[in-house]
Amino acid sequence: MQPALLEDWTGQFLAQLAAPSAELMTTGTDVILVDVATGSQAWIEPAGEGWAVHQHGPLQLWDQVEGALTTWRSAGSPTLSDFGMTVEEDGTQRVWLGSPEGPSWSLPV
């Protein structure tokens, strides 16, 4: 998955859903994710014709973000207006894509 997707507003939104306590930083062509809750880190840098991904800590941040971006791309890269949110009686909150039965991400409490 191309880290350039994180330059798109929807890509950034999905990254935050997938890794809610992570901060995104860029340095030229590199992308760095740092989870402030766990100390987990991921950085992506150019490597030949592709990208090298380095991850450490208890969370695999890039894997989480890449999974959300892949789901979004598989759905045709819809705009933010195709996302919705459901709040359950117990306070659980989910952001979903397309419909409440579609792909979703739980929000932290």
C-alpha atoms as a PDB file:
ATOM      1  CA  MET A   1       0.000   0.000   0.000  1.00  0.00           C
ATOM      2  CA  GLN A   2       1.326   3.428  -0.909  1.00  0.00           C
ATOM      3  CA  PRO A   3       2.008   5.675   2.100  1.00  0.00           C
ATOM      4  CA  ALA A   4       1.015   8.610  -0.135  1.00  0.00           C
ATOM      5  CA  LEU A   5      -2.601   7.651   0.645  1.00  0.00           C
ATOM      6  CA  LEU A   6      -1.992   9.302   4.020  1.00  0.00           C
ATOM      7  CA  GLU A   7      -1.735  12.656   2.237  1.00  0.00           C
ATOM      8  CA  ASP A   8      -5.456  12.370   1.463  1.00  0.00           C
ATOM      9  CA  TRP A   9      -7.894  13.631   4.091  1.00  0.00           C
ATOM     10  CA  THR A  10      -9.875  10.370   4.005  1.00  0.00           C
ATOM     11  CA  GLY A  11      -6.661   8.359   4.265  1.00  0.00           C
ATOM     12  CA  GLN A  12      -5.705  10.315   7.380  1.00  0.00           C
ATOM     13  CA  PHE A  13      -9.194   9.795   8.824  1.00  0.00           C
ATOM     14  CA  LEU A  14      -8.907   6.040   8.305  1.00  0.00           C
ATOM     15  CA  ALA A  15      -5.421   5.934   9.786  1.00  0.00           C
ATOM     16  CA  GLN A  16      -6.741   7.603  12.928  1.00  0.00           C
ATOM     17  CA  LEU A  17      -9.625   5.118  13.124  1.00  0.00           C
ATOM     18  CA  ALA A  18      -7.235   2.183  12.733  1.00  0.00           C
ATOM     19  CA  ALA A  19      -4.659   3.487  15.216  1.00  0.00           C
ATOM     20  CA  PRO A  20      -6.506   5.976  17.444  1.00  0.00           C
ATOM     21  CA  SER A  21      -3.619   6.916  19.729  1.00  0.00           C
ATOM     22  CA  ALA A  22      -1.019   7.181  16.964  1.00  0.00           C
ATOM     23  CA  GLU A  23       0.486  10.371  15.646  1.00  0.00           C
ATOM     24  CA  LEU A  24       1.489  10.731  11.998  1.00  0.00           C
ATOM     25  CA  MET A  25       4.709  12.474  11.001  1.00  0.00           C
ATOM     26  CA  THR A  26       6.421  12.788   7.653  1.00  0.00           C
ATOM     27  CA  THR A  27      10.016  13.608   6.827  1.00  0.00           C
ATOM     28  CA  GLY A  28      10.409  14.081   3.105  1.00  0.00           C
ATOM     29  CA  THR A  29       9.494  10.692   1.666  1.00  0.00           C
ATOM     30  CA  ASP A  30       9.384   8.827   4.996  1.00  0.00           C
ATOM     31  CA  VAL A  31       6.215   8.245   7.015  1.00  0.00           C
ATOM     32  CA  ILE A  32       6.410   7.722  10.762  1.00  0.00           C
ATOM     33  CA  LEU A  33       3.638   6.552  13.085  1.00  0.00           C
ATOM     34  CA  VAL A  34       4.126   6.708  16.855  1.00  0.00           C
ATOM     35  CA  ASP A  35       1.509   5.372  19.250  1.00  0.00           C
ATOM     36  CA  VAL A  36       1.563   7.662  22.289  1.00  0.00           C
ATOM     37  CA  ALA A  37      -0.262   5.115  24.487  1.00  0.00           C
ATOM     38  CA  THR A  38       1.999   2.095  23.901  1.00  0.00           C
ATOM     39  CA  GLY A  39       5.203   3.492  22.409  1.00  0.00           C
ATOM     40  CA  SER A  40       4.733   1.362  19.300  1.00  0.00           C
ATOM     41  CA  GLN A  41       6.332   2.755  16.163  1.00  0.00           C
ATOM     42  CA  ALA A  42       6.183   2.183  12.446  1.00  0.00           C
ATOM     43  CA  TRP A  43       8.168   3.927   9.772  1.00  0.00           C
ATOM     44  CA  ILE A  44       7.938   3.510   6.044  1.00  0.00           C
ATOM     45  CA  GLU A  45      10.750   4.530   3.722  1.00  0.00           C
ATOM     46  CA  PRO A  46      11.446   4.164   0.009  1.00  0.00           C
ATOM     47  CA  ALA A  47      13.297   0.961  -0.894  1.00  0.00           C
ATOM     48  CA  GLY A  48      14.073   0.402  -4.550  1.00  0.00           C
ATOM     49  CA  GLU A  49      10.791   0.318  -6.476  1.00  0.00           C
ATOM     50  CA  GLY A  50       8.689  -0.096  -3.327  1.00  0.00           C
ATOM     51  CA  TRP A  51       8.656   0.619   0.372  1.00  0.00           C
ATOM     52  CA  ALA A  52      10.344  -0.831   3.440  1.00  0.00           C
ATOM     53  CA  VAL A  53       8.201  -1.024   6.568  1.00  0.00           C
ATOM     54  CA  HIS A  54       9.762  -1.190  10.032  1.00  0.00           C
ATOM     55  CA  GLN A  55       7.581  -1.809  13.090  1.00  0.00           C
ATOM     56  CA  HIS A  56       8.217  -2.426  16.741  1.00  0.00           C
ATOM     57  CA  GLY A  57       6.300  -2.361  19.989  1.00  0.00           C
ATOM     58  CA  PRO A  58       3.156  -4.170  21.055  1.00  0.00           C
ATOM     59  CA  LEU A  59       1.063  -2.820  18.142  1.00  0.00           C
ATOM     60  CA  GLN A  60       1.756  -3.357  14.464  1.00  0.00           C
ATOM     61  CA  LEU A  61       0.688   0.178  13.538  1.00  0.00           C
ATOM     62  CA  TRP A  62       1.317   0.031   9.809  1.00  0.00           C
ATOM     63  CA  ASP A  63      -0.529  -3.287   9.547  1.00  0.00           C
ATOM     64  CA  GLN A  64      -3.547  -1.702  11.256  1.00  0.00           C
ATOM     65  CA  VAL A  65      -3.455   1.397   9.044  1.00  0.00           C
ATOM     66  CA  GLU A  66      -2.818  -0.600   5.880  1.00  0.00           C
ATOM     67  CA  GLY A  67      -5.804  -2.849   6.671  1.00  0.00           C
ATOM     68  CA  ALA A  68      -8.120   0.159   6.961  1.00  0.00           C
ATOM     69  CA  LEU A  69      -6.743   1.720   3.763  1.00  0.00           C
ATOM     70  CA  THR A  70      -7.140  -1.583   1.902  1.00  0.00           C
ATOM     71  CA  THR A  71     -10.773  -1.847   3.033  1.00  0.00           C
ATOM     72  CA  TRP A  72     -11.416   1.706   1.857  1.00  0.00           C
ATOM     73  CA  ARG A  73      -9.720   1.131  -1.523  1.00  0.00           C
ATOM     74  CA  SER A  74     -11.627  -2.157  -2.003  1.00  0.00           C
ATOM     75  CA  ALA A  75     -14.850  -0.198  -1.514  1.00  0.00           C
ATOM     76  CA  GLY A  76     -13.850   2.168  -4.346  1.00  0.00           C
ATOM     77  CA  SER A  77     -12.176   4.885  -2.206  1.00  0.00           C
ATOM     78  CA  PRO A  78     -15.457   6.579  -1.247  1.00  0.00           C
ATOM     79  CA  THR A  79     -15.542  10.103   0.167  1.00  0.00           C
ATOM     80  CA  LEU A  80     -16.071  11.001   3.801  1.00  0.00           C
ATOM     81  CA  SER A  81     -19.809  11.387   3.175  1.00  0.00           C
ATOM     82  CA  ASP A  82     -20.005   7.578   2.809  1.00  0.00           C
ATOM     83  CA  PHE A  83     -19.007   7.087   6.454  1.00  0.00           C
ATOM     84  CA  GLY A  84     -21.478   7.031   9.316  1.00  0.00           C
ATOM     85  CA  MET A  85     -21.437   6.501  13.042  1.00  0.00           C
ATOM     86  CA  THR A  86     -23.499   4.413  15.424  1.00  0.00           C
ATOM     87  CA  VAL A  87     -23.662   4.898  19.191  1.00  0.00           C
ATOM     88  CA  GLU A  88     -25.067   1.933  21.114  1.00  0.00           C
ATOM     89  CA  GLU A  89     -27.061   2.214  24.339  1.00  0.00           C
ATOM     90  CA  ASP A  90     -23.996   1.127  26.330  1.00  0.00           C
ATOM     91  CA  GLY A  91     -21.990   4.030  24.866  1.00  0.00           C
ATOM     92  CA  THR A  92     -20.006   1.912  22.386  1.00  0.00           C
ATOM     93  CA  GLN A  93     -19.278   3.956  19.263  1.00  0.00           C
ATOM     94  CA  ARG A  94     -18.445   2.672  15.781  1.00  0.00           C
ATOM     95  CA  VAL A  95     -17.618   4.455  12.565  1.00  0.00           C
ATOM     96  CA  TRP A  96     -18.763   2.453   9.557  1.00  0.00           C
ATOM     97  CA  LEU A  97     -18.350   2.595   5.811  1.00  0.00           C
ATOM     98  CA  GLY A  98     -21.376   2.410   3.522  1.00  0.00           C
ATOM     99  CA  SER A  99     -23.894   1.103   6.057  1.00  0.00           C
ATOM    100  CA  PRO A 100     -23.979   0.046   9.725  1.00  0.00           C
ATOM    101  CA  GLU A 101     -23.487  -3.545   8.516  1.00  0.00           C
ATOM    102  CA  GLY A 102     -20.407  -2.604   6.469  1.00  0.00           C
ATOM    103  CA  PRO A 103     -16.778  -2.442   7.556  1.00  0.00           C
ATOM    104  CA  SER A 104     -16.427  -0.586  10.853  1.00  0.00           C
ATOM    105  CA  TRP A 105     -13.944   0.658  13.408  1.00  0.00           C
ATOM    106  CA  SER A 106     -14.649   0.970  17.136  1.00  0.00           C
ATOM    107  CA  LEU A 107     -13.828   4.284  18.749  1.00  0.00           C
ATOM    108  CA  PRO A 108     -11.948   4.329  22.024  1.00  0.00           C
ATOM    109  CA  VAL A 109     -14.000   5.151  25.087  1.00  0.00           C
END
